[in-house]
Amino acid sequence: MGDCVFCKIVEGGIPSEILYSDDRVIAFRDIEPQAPVHFLVVPRRHVESAFHLREGDGELLARMFDAAQKVCAELGVERSGVRILTNVGPDAGQVVMHFHLHVLGGRTMGWPPG
């Protein structure tokens, strides 16, 4: 998608701190971190939101969670715990209309979130 910032990161057009990359997904640090560890996992293929995933996307989701686990292990937060979430639509806080997982860790998380 021409104006999608995450598509541009995937294509290498916007610099980012890449933490993981394979043929289906990429993980990079969030530019406005909300925790000591805060990174995003996005599919290389443009998918607007979690509500735009289809029946055949199970492997893609598995890859995204596998990437999250690998990065968490590398960053030392796999055992202490992380919060993984996605926002769908503007009212939920989705700013970039490209499906992504937020992975937050390195501190105790409260509930409900702020």
PDB file of N, CA and C in Angstrom:
ATOM      1  N   MET A   1       0.849  -1.171   0.000  1.00  0.00           N
ATOM      2  CA  MET A   1       0.000   0.000   0.000  1.00  0.00           C
ATOM      3  C   MET A   1       0.894   1.234   0.000  1.00  0.00           C
ATOM      4  N   GLY A   2       0.679   2.112  -0.913  1.00  0.00           N
ATOM      5  CA  GLY A   2       1.551   3.245  -1.167  1.00  0.00           C
ATOM      6  C   GLY A   2       1.847   4.144   0.008  1.00  0.00           C
ATOM      7  N   ASP A   3       0.864   4.479   0.841  1.00  0.00           N
ATOM      8  CA  ASP A   3       1.093   5.424   1.924  1.00  0.00           C
ATOM      9  C   ASP A   3       1.163   4.761   3.297  1.00  0.00           C
ATOM     10  N   CYS A   4       1.208   3.454   3.355  1.00  0.00           N
ATOM     11  CA  CYS A   4       1.256   2.732   4.634  1.00  0.00           C
ATOM     12  C   CYS A   4       2.669   2.768   5.200  1.00  0.00           C
ATOM     13  N   VAL A   5       2.819   3.367   6.381  1.00  0.00           N
ATOM     14  CA  VAL A   5       4.133   3.503   6.996  1.00  0.00           C
ATOM     15  C   VAL A   5       4.751   2.132   7.304  1.00  0.00           C
ATOM     16  N   PHE A   6       3.949   1.154   7.703  1.00  0.00           N
ATOM     17  CA  PHE A   6       4.515  -0.161   8.000  1.00  0.00           C
ATOM     18  C   PHE A   6       4.951  -0.875   6.731  1.00  0.00           C
ATOM     19  N   CYS A   7       4.227  -0.691   5.634  1.00  0.00           N
ATOM     20  CA  CYS A   7       4.667  -1.250   4.349  1.00  0.00           C
ATOM     21  C   CYS A   7       6.006  -0.637   3.951  1.00  0.00           C
ATOM     22  N   LYS A   8       6.166   0.653   4.206  1.00  0.00           N
ATOM     23  CA  LYS A   8       7.426   1.319   3.883  1.00  0.00           C
ATOM     24  C   LYS A   8       8.563   0.792   4.743  1.00  0.00           C
ATOM     25  N   ILE A   9       8.301   0.501   6.023  1.00  0.00           N
ATOM     26  CA  ILE A   9       9.319  -0.094   6.889  1.00  0.00           C
ATOM     27  C   ILE A   9       9.678  -1.482   6.377  1.00  0.00           C
ATOM     28  N   VAL A  10       8.669  -2.283   6.036  1.00  0.00           N
ATOM     29  CA  VAL A  10       8.897  -3.634   5.509  1.00  0.00           C
ATOM     30  C   VAL A  10       9.778  -3.575   4.258  1.00  0.00           C
ATOM     31  N   GLU A  11       9.527  -2.602   3.397  1.00  0.00           N
ATOM     32  CA  GLU A  11      10.278  -2.461   2.141  1.00  0.00           C
ATOM     33  C   GLU A  11      11.647  -1.815   2.332  1.00  0.00           C
ATOM     34  N   GLY A  12      11.947  -1.329   3.534  1.00  0.00           N
ATOM     35  CA  GLY A  12      13.228  -0.696   3.793  1.00  0.00           C
ATOM     36  C   GLY A  12      13.258   0.789   3.465  1.00  0.00           C
ATOM     37  N   GLY A  13      12.107   1.372   3.141  1.00  0.00           N
ATOM     38  CA  GLY A  13      12.045   2.782   2.788  1.00  0.00           C
ATOM     39  C   GLY A  13      12.074   3.727   3.970  1.00  0.00           C
ATOM     40  N   ILE A  14      11.743   3.223   5.139  1.00  0.00           N
ATOM     41  CA  ILE A  14      11.807   4.010   6.376  1.00  0.00           C
ATOM     42  C   ILE A  14      12.702   3.244   7.340  1.00  0.00           C
ATOM     43  N   PRO A  15      13.747   3.894   7.851  1.00  0.00           N
ATOM     44  CA  PRO A  15      14.636   3.200   8.779  1.00  0.00           C
ATOM     45  C   PRO A  15      13.914   2.831  10.072  1.00  0.00           C
ATOM     46  N   SER A  16      14.253   1.684  10.606  1.00  0.00           N
ATOM     47  CA  SER A  16      13.671   1.214  11.854  1.00  0.00           C
ATOM     48  C   SER A  16      14.649   0.251  12.509  1.00  0.00           C
ATOM     49  N   GLU A  17      14.533   0.098  13.821  1.00  0.00           N
ATOM     50  CA  GLU A  17      15.389  -0.860  14.514  1.00  0.00           C
ATOM     51  C   GLU A  17      14.745  -2.242  14.402  1.00  0.00           C
ATOM     52  N   ILE A  18      15.177  -2.997  13.430  1.00  0.00           N
ATOM     53  CA  ILE A  18      14.626  -4.324  13.159  1.00  0.00           C
ATOM     54  C   ILE A  18      15.160  -5.306  14.193  1.00  0.00           C
ATOM     55  N   LEU A  19      14.241  -6.017  14.841  1.00  0.00           N
ATOM     56  CA  LEU A  19      14.601  -7.004  15.852  1.00  0.00           C
ATOM     57  C   LEU A  19      14.485  -8.427  15.333  1.00  0.00           C
ATOM     58  N   TYR A  20      13.663  -8.616  14.310  1.00  0.00           N
ATOM     59  CA  TYR A  20      13.455  -9.943  13.726  1.00  0.00           C
ATOM     60  C   TYR A  20      12.890  -9.762  12.327  1.00  0.00           C
ATOM     61  N   SER A  21      13.268 -10.656  11.441  1.00  0.00           N
ATOM     62  CA  SER A  21      12.740 -10.594  10.088  1.00  0.00           C
ATOM     63  C   SER A  21      12.800 -11.990   9.462  1.00  0.00           C
ATOM     64  N   ASP A  22      11.720 -12.378   8.802  1.00  0.00           N
ATOM     65  CA  ASP A  22      11.730 -13.578   7.976  1.00  0.00           C
ATOM     66  C   ASP A  22      10.897 -13.295   6.735  1.00  0.00           C
ATOM     67  N   ASP A  23      10.556 -14.313   5.981  1.00  0.00           N
ATOM     68  CA  ASP A  23       9.859 -14.090   4.715  1.00  0.00           C
ATOM     69  C   ASP A  23       8.393 -13.694   4.882  1.00  0.00           C
ATOM     70  N   ARG A  24       7.828 -13.827   6.077  1.00  0.00           N
ATOM     71  CA  ARG A  24       6.408 -13.510   6.292  1.00  0.00           C
ATOM     72  C   ARG A  24       6.165 -12.350   7.249  1.00  0.00           C
ATOM     73  N   VAL A  25       7.076 -12.154   8.229  1.00  0.00           N
ATOM     74  CA  VAL A  25       6.852 -11.139   9.263  1.00  0.00           C
ATOM     75  C   VAL A  25       8.131 -10.366   9.563  1.00  0.00           C
ATOM     76  N   ILE A  26       7.937  -9.218  10.205  1.00  0.00           N
ATOM     77  CA  ILE A  26       9.059  -8.397  10.637  1.00  0.00           C
ATOM     78  C   ILE A  26       8.697  -7.815  12.007  1.00  0.00           C
ATOM     79  N   ALA A  27       9.693  -7.675  12.872  1.00  0.00           N
ATOM     80  CA  ALA A  27       9.487  -7.081  14.196  1.00  0.00           C
ATOM     81  C   ALA A  27      10.467  -5.928  14.360  1.00  0.00           C
ATOM     82  N   PHE A  28       9.970  -4.823  14.911  1.00  0.00           N
ATOM     83  CA  PHE A  28      10.819  -3.650  15.094  1.00  0.00           C
ATOM     84  C   PHE A  28      10.344  -2.875  16.320  1.00  0.00           C
ATOM     85  N   ARG A  29      11.257  -2.076  16.877  1.00  0.00           N
ATOM     86  CA  ARG A  29      10.935  -1.287  18.076  1.00  0.00           C
ATOM     87  C   ARG A  29       9.893  -0.225  17.761  1.00  0.00           C
ATOM     88  N   ASP A  30       9.005  -0.001  18.723  1.00  0.00           N
ATOM     89  CA  ASP A  30       8.011   1.065  18.608  1.00  0.00           C
ATOM     90  C   ASP A  30       8.715   2.410  18.801  1.00  0.00           C
ATOM     91  N   ILE A  31       8.357   3.402  18.001  1.00  0.00           N
ATOM     92  CA  ILE A  31       9.023   4.711  18.115  1.00  0.00           C
ATOM     93  C   ILE A  31       8.492   5.535  19.287  1.00  0.00           C
ATOM     94  N   GLU A  32       7.364   5.114  19.871  1.00  0.00           N
ATOM     95  CA  GLU A  32       6.832   5.769  21.064  1.00  0.00           C
ATOM     96  C   GLU A  32       6.571   4.709  22.129  1.00  0.00           C
ATOM     97  N   PRO A  33       7.646   4.142  22.706  1.00  0.00           N
ATOM     98  CA  PRO A  33       7.482   3.010  23.623  1.00  0.00           C
ATOM     99  C   PRO A  33       6.665   3.361  24.865  1.00  0.00           C
ATOM    100  N   GLN A  34       5.810   2.418  25.249  1.00  0.00           N
ATOM    101  CA  GLN A  34       4.970   2.560  26.431  1.00  0.00           C
ATOM    102  C   GLN A  34       5.445   1.674  27.579  1.00  0.00           C
ATOM    103  N   ALA A  35       6.580   1.010  27.370  1.00  0.00           N
ATOM    104  CA  ALA A  35       7.193   0.146  28.382  1.00  0.00           C
ATOM    105  C   ALA A  35       8.671   0.040  28.027  1.00  0.00           C
ATOM    106  N   PRO A  36       9.503  -0.420  28.985  1.00  0.00           N
ATOM    107  CA  PRO A  36      10.928  -0.572  28.683  1.00  0.00           C
ATOM    108  C   PRO A  36      11.183  -1.433  27.431  1.00  0.00           C
ATOM    109  N   VAL A  37      10.376  -2.452  27.245  1.00  0.00           N
ATOM    110  CA  VAL A  37      10.406  -3.238  26.013  1.00  0.00           C
ATOM    111  C   VAL A  37       9.078  -2.997  25.309  1.00  0.00           C
ATOM    112  N   HIS A  38       9.124  -2.499  24.088  1.00  0.00           N
ATOM    113  CA  HIS A  38       7.908  -2.274  23.307  1.00  0.00           C
ATOM    114  C   HIS A  38       8.294  -2.377  21.838  1.00  0.00           C
ATOM    115  N   PHE A  39       7.834  -3.457  21.228  1.00  0.00           N
ATOM    116  CA  PHE A  39       8.095  -3.631  19.808  1.00  0.00           C
ATOM    117  C   PHE A  39       6.821  -4.087  19.111  1.00  0.00           C
ATOM    118  N   LEU A  40       6.844  -3.987  17.801  1.00  0.00           N
ATOM    119  CA  LEU A  40       5.711  -4.360  16.971  1.00  0.00           C
ATOM    120  C   LEU A  40       6.089  -5.551  16.103  1.00  0.00           C
ATOM    121  N   VAL A  41       5.119  -6.409  15.858  1.00  0.00           N
ATOM    122  CA  VAL A  41       5.286  -7.509  14.913  1.00  0.00           C
ATOM    123  C   VAL A  41       4.229  -7.315  13.838  1.00  0.00           C
ATOM    124  N   VAL A  42       4.668  -7.235  12.581  1.00  0.00           N
ATOM    125  CA  VAL A  42       3.742  -6.973  11.478  1.00  0.00           C
ATOM    126  C   VAL A  42       3.944  -8.003  10.372  1.00  0.00           C
ATOM    127  N   PRO A  43       2.875  -8.339   9.669  1.00  0.00           N
ATOM    128  CA  PRO A  43       3.045  -9.185   8.490  1.00  0.00           C
ATOM    129  C   PRO A  43       3.661  -8.358   7.364  1.00  0.00           C
ATOM    130  N   ARG A  44       4.471  -8.990   6.549  1.00  0.00           N
ATOM    131  CA  ARG A  44       5.034  -8.289   5.390  1.00  0.00           C
ATOM    132  C   ARG A  44       3.931  -7.926   4.398  1.00  0.00           C
ATOM    133  N   ARG A  45       2.936  -8.780   4.288  1.00  0.00           N
ATOM    134  CA  ARG A  45       1.793  -8.522   3.409  1.00  0.00           C
ATOM    135  C   ARG A  45       0.870  -7.530   4.102  1.00  0.00           C
ATOM    136  N   HIS A  46       0.368  -6.567   3.359  1.00  0.00           N
ATOM    137  CA  HIS A  46      -0.530  -5.581   3.953  1.00  0.00           C
ATOM    138  C   HIS A  46      -1.870  -6.229   4.299  1.00  0.00           C
ATOM    139  N   VAL A  47      -2.206  -6.159   5.575  1.00  0.00           N
ATOM    140  CA  VAL A  47      -3.515  -6.568   6.098  1.00  0.00           C
ATOM    141  C   VAL A  47      -3.960  -5.403   6.964  1.00  0.00           C
ATOM    142  N   GLU A  48      -5.129  -4.866   6.717  1.00  0.00           N
ATOM    143  CA  GLU A  48      -5.531  -3.628   7.385  1.00  0.00           C
ATOM    144  C   GLU A  48      -5.663  -3.768   8.903  1.00  0.00           C
ATOM    145  N   SER A  49      -6.275  -4.824   9.384  1.00  0.00           N
ATOM    146  CA  SER A  49      -6.448  -5.025  10.826  1.00  0.00           C
ATOM    147  C   SER A  49      -6.711  -6.495  11.090  1.00  0.00           C
ATOM    148  N   ALA A  50      -6.821  -6.853  12.362  1.00  0.00           N
ATOM    149  CA  ALA A  50      -7.130  -8.241  12.719  1.00  0.00           C
ATOM    150  C   ALA A  50      -8.460  -8.679  12.122  1.00  0.00           C
ATOM    151  N   PHE A  51      -9.365  -7.749  11.912  1.00  0.00           N
ATOM    152  CA  PHE A  51     -10.662  -8.084  11.327  1.00  0.00           C
ATOM    153  C   PHE A  51     -10.580  -8.353   9.831  1.00  0.00           C
ATOM    154  N   HIS A  52      -9.416  -8.126   9.234  1.00  0.00           N
ATOM    155  CA  HIS A  52      -9.225  -8.398   7.809  1.00  0.00           C
ATOM    156  C   HIS A  52      -8.454  -9.696   7.577  1.00  0.00           C
ATOM    157  N   LEU A  53      -8.120 -10.411   8.650  1.00  0.00           N
ATOM    158  CA  LEU A  53      -7.512 -11.732   8.504  1.00  0.00           C
ATOM    159  C   LEU A  53      -8.568 -12.697   7.995  1.00  0.00           C
ATOM    160  N   ARG A  54      -8.140 -13.700   7.270  1.00  0.00           N
ATOM    161  CA  ARG A  54      -9.054 -14.675   6.696  1.00  0.00           C
ATOM    162  C   ARG A  54      -8.682 -16.084   7.130  1.00  0.00           C
ATOM    163  N   GLU A  55      -9.517 -17.031   6.803  1.00  0.00           N
ATOM    164  CA  GLU A  55      -9.359 -18.417   7.235  1.00  0.00           C
ATOM    165  C   GLU A  55      -7.954 -18.957   6.976  1.00  0.00           C
ATOM    166  N   GLY A  56      -7.361 -18.631   5.875  1.00  0.00           N
ATOM    167  CA  GLY A  56      -6.038 -19.147   5.540  1.00  0.00           C
ATOM    168  C   GLY A  56      -4.881 -18.452   6.228  1.00  0.00           C
ATOM    169  N   ASP A  57      -5.144 -17.502   7.110  1.00  0.00           N
ATOM    170  CA  ASP A  57      -4.083 -16.723   7.743  1.00  0.00           C
ATOM    171  C   ASP A  57      -3.596 -17.290   9.074  1.00  0.00           C
ATOM    172  N   GLY A  58      -3.992 -18.509   9.395  1.00  0.00           N
ATOM    173  CA  GLY A  58      -3.551 -19.106  10.658  1.00  0.00           C
ATOM    174  C   GLY A  58      -2.044 -19.239  10.754  1.00  0.00           C
ATOM    175  N   GLU A  59      -1.402 -19.643   9.665  1.00  0.00           N
ATOM    176  CA  GLU A  59       0.051 -19.780   9.673  1.00  0.00           C
ATOM    177  C   GLU A  59       0.726 -18.421   9.877  1.00  0.00           C
ATOM    178  N   LEU A  60       0.159 -17.388   9.280  1.00  0.00           N
ATOM    179  CA  LEU A  60       0.703 -16.039   9.461  1.00  0.00           C
ATOM    180  C   LEU A  60       0.637 -15.629  10.927  1.00  0.00           C
ATOM    181  N   LEU A  61      -0.483 -15.869  11.571  1.00  0.00           N
ATOM    182  CA  LEU A  61      -0.613 -15.543  13.002  1.00  0.00           C
ATOM    183  C   LEU A  61       0.386 -16.328  13.840  1.00  0.00           C
ATOM    184  N   ALA A  62       0.542 -17.603  13.529  1.00  0.00           N
ATOM    185  CA  ALA A  62       1.515 -18.422  14.259  1.00  0.00           C
ATOM    186  C   ALA A  62       2.919 -17.858  14.089  1.00  0.00           C
ATOM    187  N   ARG A  63       3.264 -17.445  12.892  1.00  0.00           N
ATOM    188  CA  ARG A  63       4.578 -16.850  12.630  1.00  0.00           C
ATOM    189  C   ARG A  63       4.756 -15.565  13.430  1.00  0.00           C
ATOM    190  N   MET A  64       3.700 -14.753  13.519  1.00  0.00           N
ATOM    191  CA  MET A  64       3.796 -13.508  14.257  1.00  0.00           C
ATOM    192  C   MET A  64       4.056 -13.769  15.735  1.00  0.00           C
ATOM    193  N   PHE A  65       3.345 -14.735  16.318  1.00  0.00           N
ATOM    194  CA  PHE A  65       3.553 -15.052  17.733  1.00  0.00           C
ATOM    195  C   PHE A  65       4.897 -15.732  17.959  1.00  0.00           C
ATOM    196  N   ASP A  66       5.353 -16.524  17.006  1.00  0.00           N
ATOM    197  CA  ASP A  66       6.670 -17.139  17.105  1.00  0.00           C
ATOM    198  C   ASP A  66       7.756 -16.058  17.093  1.00  0.00           C
ATOM    199  N   ALA A  67       7.609 -15.079  16.205  1.00  0.00           N
ATOM    200  CA  ALA A  67       8.563 -13.974  16.158  1.00  0.00           C
ATOM    201  C   ALA A  67       8.563 -13.203  17.479  1.00  0.00           C
ATOM    202  N   ALA A  68       7.377 -12.954  18.016  1.00  0.00           N
ATOM    203  CA  ALA A  68       7.278 -12.249  19.303  1.00  0.00           C
ATOM    204  C   ALA A  68       8.013 -13.017  20.392  1.00  0.00           C
ATOM    205  N   GLN A  69       7.819 -14.327  20.441  1.00  0.00           N
ATOM    206  CA  GLN A  69       8.478 -15.139  21.462  1.00  0.00           C
ATOM    207  C   GLN A  69       9.997 -15.093  21.303  1.00  0.00           C
ATOM    208  N   LYS A  70      10.483 -15.188  20.081  1.00  0.00           N
ATOM    209  CA  LYS A  70      11.932 -15.151  19.841  1.00  0.00           C
ATOM    210  C   LYS A  70      12.528 -13.821  20.284  1.00  0.00           C
ATOM    211  N   VAL A  71      11.883 -12.732  19.942  1.00  0.00           N
ATOM    212  CA  VAL A  71      12.399 -11.410  20.324  1.00  0.00           C
ATOM    213  C   VAL A  71      12.336 -11.249  21.844  1.00  0.00           C
ATOM    214  N   CYS A  72      11.257 -11.698  22.462  1.00  0.00           N
ATOM    215  CA  CYS A  72      11.153 -11.611  23.925  1.00  0.00           C
ATOM    216  C   CYS A  72      12.283 -12.375  24.601  1.00  0.00           C
ATOM    217  N   ALA A  73      12.626 -13.553  24.081  1.00  0.00           N
ATOM    218  CA  ALA A  73      13.735 -14.335  24.637  1.00  0.00           C
ATOM    219  C   ALA A  73      15.048 -13.570  24.481  1.00  0.00           C
ATOM    220  N   GLU A  74      15.272 -12.974  23.312  1.00  0.00           N
ATOM    221  CA  GLU A  74      16.494 -12.209  23.080  1.00  0.00           C
ATOM    222  C   GLU A  74      16.591 -10.989  23.988  1.00  0.00           C
ATOM    223  N   LEU A  75      15.448 -10.367  24.287  1.00  0.00           N
ATOM    224  CA  LEU A  75      15.439  -9.154  25.111  1.00  0.00           C
ATOM    225  C   LEU A  75      15.306  -9.454  26.607  1.00  0.00           C
ATOM    226  N   GLY A  76      15.179 -10.724  26.960  1.00  0.00           N
ATOM    227  CA  GLY A  76      15.165 -11.115  28.369  1.00  0.00           C
ATOM    228  C   GLY A  76      13.847 -10.929  29.092  1.00  0.00           C
ATOM    229  N   VAL A  77      12.740 -10.866  28.370  1.00  0.00           N
ATOM    230  CA  VAL A  77      11.449 -10.689  29.038  1.00  0.00           C
ATOM    231  C   VAL A  77      10.510 -11.878  28.836  1.00  0.00           C
ATOM    232  N   GLU A  78      10.999 -12.928  28.210  1.00  0.00           N
ATOM    233  CA  GLU A  78      10.140 -14.086  27.936  1.00  0.00           C
ATOM    234  C   GLU A  78       9.611 -14.713  29.227  1.00  0.00           C
ATOM    235  N   ARG A  79      10.431 -14.811  30.237  1.00  0.00           N
ATOM    236  CA  ARG A  79      10.014 -15.482  31.484  1.00  0.00           C
ATOM    237  C   ARG A  79       9.264 -14.560  32.439  1.00  0.00           C
ATOM    238  N   SER A  80       9.591 -13.273  32.446  1.00  0.00           N
ATOM    239  CA  SER A  80       8.926 -12.358  33.374  1.00  0.00           C
ATOM    240  C   SER A  80       7.521 -11.997  32.906  1.00  0.00           C
ATOM    241  N   GLY A  81       7.273 -12.117  31.601  1.00  0.00           N
ATOM    242  CA  GLY A  81       5.943 -11.878  31.068  1.00  0.00           C
ATOM    243  C   GLY A  81       5.858 -10.628  30.222  1.00  0.00           C
ATOM    244  N   VAL A  82       4.961 -10.679  29.267  1.00  0.00           N
ATOM    245  CA  VAL A  82       4.715  -9.555  28.370  1.00  0.00           C
ATOM    246  C   VAL A  82       3.224  -9.430  28.131  1.00  0.00           C
ATOM    247  N   ARG A  83       2.843  -8.287  27.626  1.00  0.00           N
ATOM    248  CA  ARG A  83       1.474  -8.076  27.169  1.00  0.00           C
ATOM    249  C   ARG A  83       1.536  -7.988  25.649  1.00  0.00           C
ATOM    250  N   ILE A  84       0.684  -8.767  24.988  1.00  0.00           N
ATOM    251  CA  ILE A  84       0.590  -8.739  23.530  1.00  0.00           C
ATOM    252  C   ILE A  84      -0.822  -8.306  23.189  1.00  0.00           C
ATOM    253  N   LEU A  85      -0.920  -7.257  22.358  1.00  0.00           N
ATOM    254  CA  LEU A  85      -2.252  -6.761  22.010  1.00  0.00           C
ATOM    255  C   LEU A  85      -2.269  -6.210  20.599  1.00  0.00           C
ATOM    256  N   THR A  86      -3.476  -6.077  20.083  1.00  0.00           N
ATOM    257  CA  THR A  86      -3.679  -5.413  18.807  1.00  0.00           C
ATOM    258  C   THR A  86      -4.897  -4.507  18.934  1.00  0.00           C
ATOM    259  N   ASN A  87      -4.847  -3.393  18.252  1.00  0.00           N
ATOM    260  CA  ASN A  87      -5.968  -2.461  18.224  1.00  0.00           C
ATOM    261  C   ASN A  87      -6.654  -2.598  16.872  1.00  0.00           C
ATOM    262  N   VAL A  88      -7.973  -2.510  16.870  1.00  0.00           N
ATOM    263  CA  VAL A  88      -8.743  -2.601  15.630  1.00  0.00           C
ATOM    264  C   VAL A  88      -9.601  -1.347  15.523  1.00  0.00           C
ATOM    265  N   GLY A  89      -9.233  -0.470  14.600  1.00  0.00           N
ATOM    266  CA  GLY A  89     -10.006   0.741  14.355  1.00  0.00           C
ATOM    267  C   GLY A  89      -9.583   1.916  15.206  1.00  0.00           C
ATOM    268  N   PRO A  90      -9.980   3.099  14.784  1.00  0.00           N
ATOM    269  CA  PRO A  90      -9.569   4.339  15.456  1.00  0.00           C
ATOM    270  C   PRO A  90     -10.018   4.443  16.916  1.00  0.00           C
ATOM    271  N   ASP A  91     -11.220   3.996  17.243  1.00  0.00           N
ATOM    272  CA  ASP A  91     -11.689   4.101  18.628  1.00  0.00           C
ATOM    273  C   ASP A  91     -10.865   3.242  19.577  1.00  0.00           C
ATOM    274  N   ALA A  92     -10.243   2.205  19.064  1.00  0.00           N
ATOM    275  CA  ALA A  92      -9.393   1.341  19.883  1.00  0.00           C
ATOM    276  C   ALA A  92      -7.953   1.838  19.924  1.00  0.00           C
ATOM    277  N   GLY A  93      -7.648   2.848  19.128  1.00  0.00           N
ATOM    278  CA  GLY A  93      -6.302   3.392  19.122  1.00  0.00           C
ATOM    279  C   GLY A  93      -5.444   2.936  17.955  1.00  0.00           C
ATOM    280  N   GLN A  94      -6.027   2.269  16.960  1.00  0.00           N
ATOM    281  CA  GLN A  94      -5.234   1.878  15.793  1.00  0.00           C
ATOM    282  C   GLN A  94      -4.941   3.125  14.970  1.00  0.00           C
ATOM    283  N   VAL A  95      -3.663   3.465  14.877  1.00  0.00           N
ATOM    284  CA  VAL A  95      -3.235   4.656  14.162  1.00  0.00           C
ATOM    285  C   VAL A  95      -2.749   4.290  12.757  1.00  0.00           C
ATOM    286  N   VAL A  96      -1.994   3.211  12.659  1.00  0.00           N
ATOM    287  CA  VAL A  96      -1.514   2.726  11.364  1.00  0.00           C
ATOM    288  C   VAL A  96      -2.423   1.581  10.945  1.00  0.00           C
ATOM    289  N   MET A  97      -3.045   1.728   9.805  1.00  0.00           N
ATOM    290  CA  MET A  97      -4.007   0.720   9.336  1.00  0.00           C
ATOM    291  C   MET A  97      -3.292  -0.423   8.616  1.00  0.00           C
ATOM    292  N   HIS A  98      -2.441  -1.096   9.369  1.00  0.00           N
ATOM    293  CA  HIS A  98      -1.718  -2.294   8.942  1.00  0.00           C
ATOM    294  C   HIS A  98      -1.670  -3.165  10.197  1.00  0.00           C
ATOM    295  N   PHE A  99      -2.255  -4.350  10.124  1.00  0.00           N
ATOM    296  CA  PHE A  99      -2.335  -5.237  11.279  1.00  0.00           C
ATOM    297  C   PHE A  99      -0.970  -5.381  11.945  1.00  0.00           C
ATOM    298  N   HIS A 100      -0.949  -5.257  13.262  1.00  0.00           N
ATOM    299  CA  HIS A 100       0.291  -5.424  14.008  1.00  0.00           C
ATOM    300  C   HIS A 100       0.002  -5.822  15.449  1.00  0.00           C
ATOM    301  N   LEU A 101       0.958  -6.516  16.016  1.00  0.00           N
ATOM    302  CA  LEU A 101       0.931  -6.858  17.432  1.00  0.00           C
ATOM    303  C   LEU A 101       1.854  -5.902  18.169  1.00  0.00           C
ATOM    304  N   HIS A 102       1.365  -5.340  19.263  1.00  0.00           N
ATOM    305  CA  HIS A 102       2.220  -4.620  20.192  1.00  0.00           C
ATOM    306  C   HIS A 102       2.688  -5.638  21.216  1.00  0.00           C
ATOM    307  N   VAL A 103       3.973  -5.663  21.506  1.00  0.00           N
ATOM    308  CA  VAL A 103       4.520  -6.533  22.548  1.00  0.00           C
ATOM    309  C   VAL A 103       5.202  -5.618  23.556  1.00  0.00           C
ATOM    310  N   LEU A 104       4.685  -5.638  24.794  1.00  0.00           N
ATOM    311  CA  LEU A 104       5.184  -4.751  25.844  1.00  0.00           C
ATOM    312  C   LEU A 104       5.669  -5.578  27.028  1.00  0.00           C
ATOM    313  N   GLY A 105       6.793  -5.203  27.597  1.00  0.00           N
ATOM    314  CA  GLY A 105       7.333  -5.919  28.751  1.00  0.00           C
ATOM    315  C   GLY A 105       8.360  -5.076  29.465  1.00  0.00           C
ATOM    316  N   GLY A 106       9.002  -5.699  30.444  1.00  0.00           N
ATOM    317  CA  GLY A 106      10.038  -5.018  31.200  1.00  0.00           C
ATOM    318  C   GLY A 106       9.518  -4.239  32.391  1.00  0.00           C
ATOM    319  N   ARG A 107       8.236  -4.347  32.660  1.00  0.00           N
ATOM    320  CA  ARG A 107       7.641  -3.710  33.840  1.00  0.00           C
ATOM    321  C   ARG A 107       6.344  -4.445  34.168  1.00  0.00           C
ATOM    322  N   THR A 108       5.848  -4.221  35.366  1.00  0.00           N
ATOM    323  CA  THR A 108       4.576  -4.802  35.777  1.00  0.00           C
ATOM    324  C   THR A 108       3.443  -4.042  35.083  1.00  0.00           C
ATOM    325  N   MET A 109       2.528  -4.786  34.497  1.00  0.00           N
ATOM    326  CA  MET A 109       1.395  -4.186  33.788  1.00  0.00           C
ATOM    327  C   MET A 109       0.187  -4.167  34.716  1.00  0.00           C
ATOM    328  N   GLY A 110      -0.564  -3.089  34.683  1.00  0.00           N
ATOM    329  CA  GLY A 110      -1.789  -3.004  35.471  1.00  0.00           C
ATOM    330  C   GLY A 110      -2.992  -3.406  34.636  1.00  0.00           C
ATOM    331  N   TRP A 111      -4.104  -3.671  35.320  1.00  0.00           N
ATOM    332  CA  TRP A 111      -5.356  -3.953  34.644  1.00  0.00           C
ATOM    333  C   TRP A 111      -6.482  -3.277  35.404  1.00  0.00           C
ATOM    334  N   PRO A 112      -7.368  -2.582  34.773  1.00  0.00           N
ATOM    335  CA  PRO A 112      -7.408  -2.397  33.330  1.00  0.00           C
ATOM    336  C   PRO A 112      -6.306  -1.436  32.884  1.00  0.00           C
ATOM    337  N   PRO A 113      -5.933  -1.514  31.582  1.00  0.00           N
ATOM    338  CA  PRO A 113      -4.920  -0.602  31.088  1.00  0.00           C
ATOM    339  C   PRO A 113      -5.412   0.839  31.148  1.00  0.00           C
ATOM    340  N   GLY A 114      -4.517   1.778  31.219  1.00  0.00           N
ATOM    341  CA  GLY A 114      -4.839   3.177  31.394  1.00  0.00           C
ATOM    342  C   GLY A 114      -5.609   3.837  30.307  1.00  0.00           C
TER     343      GLY A 114
END
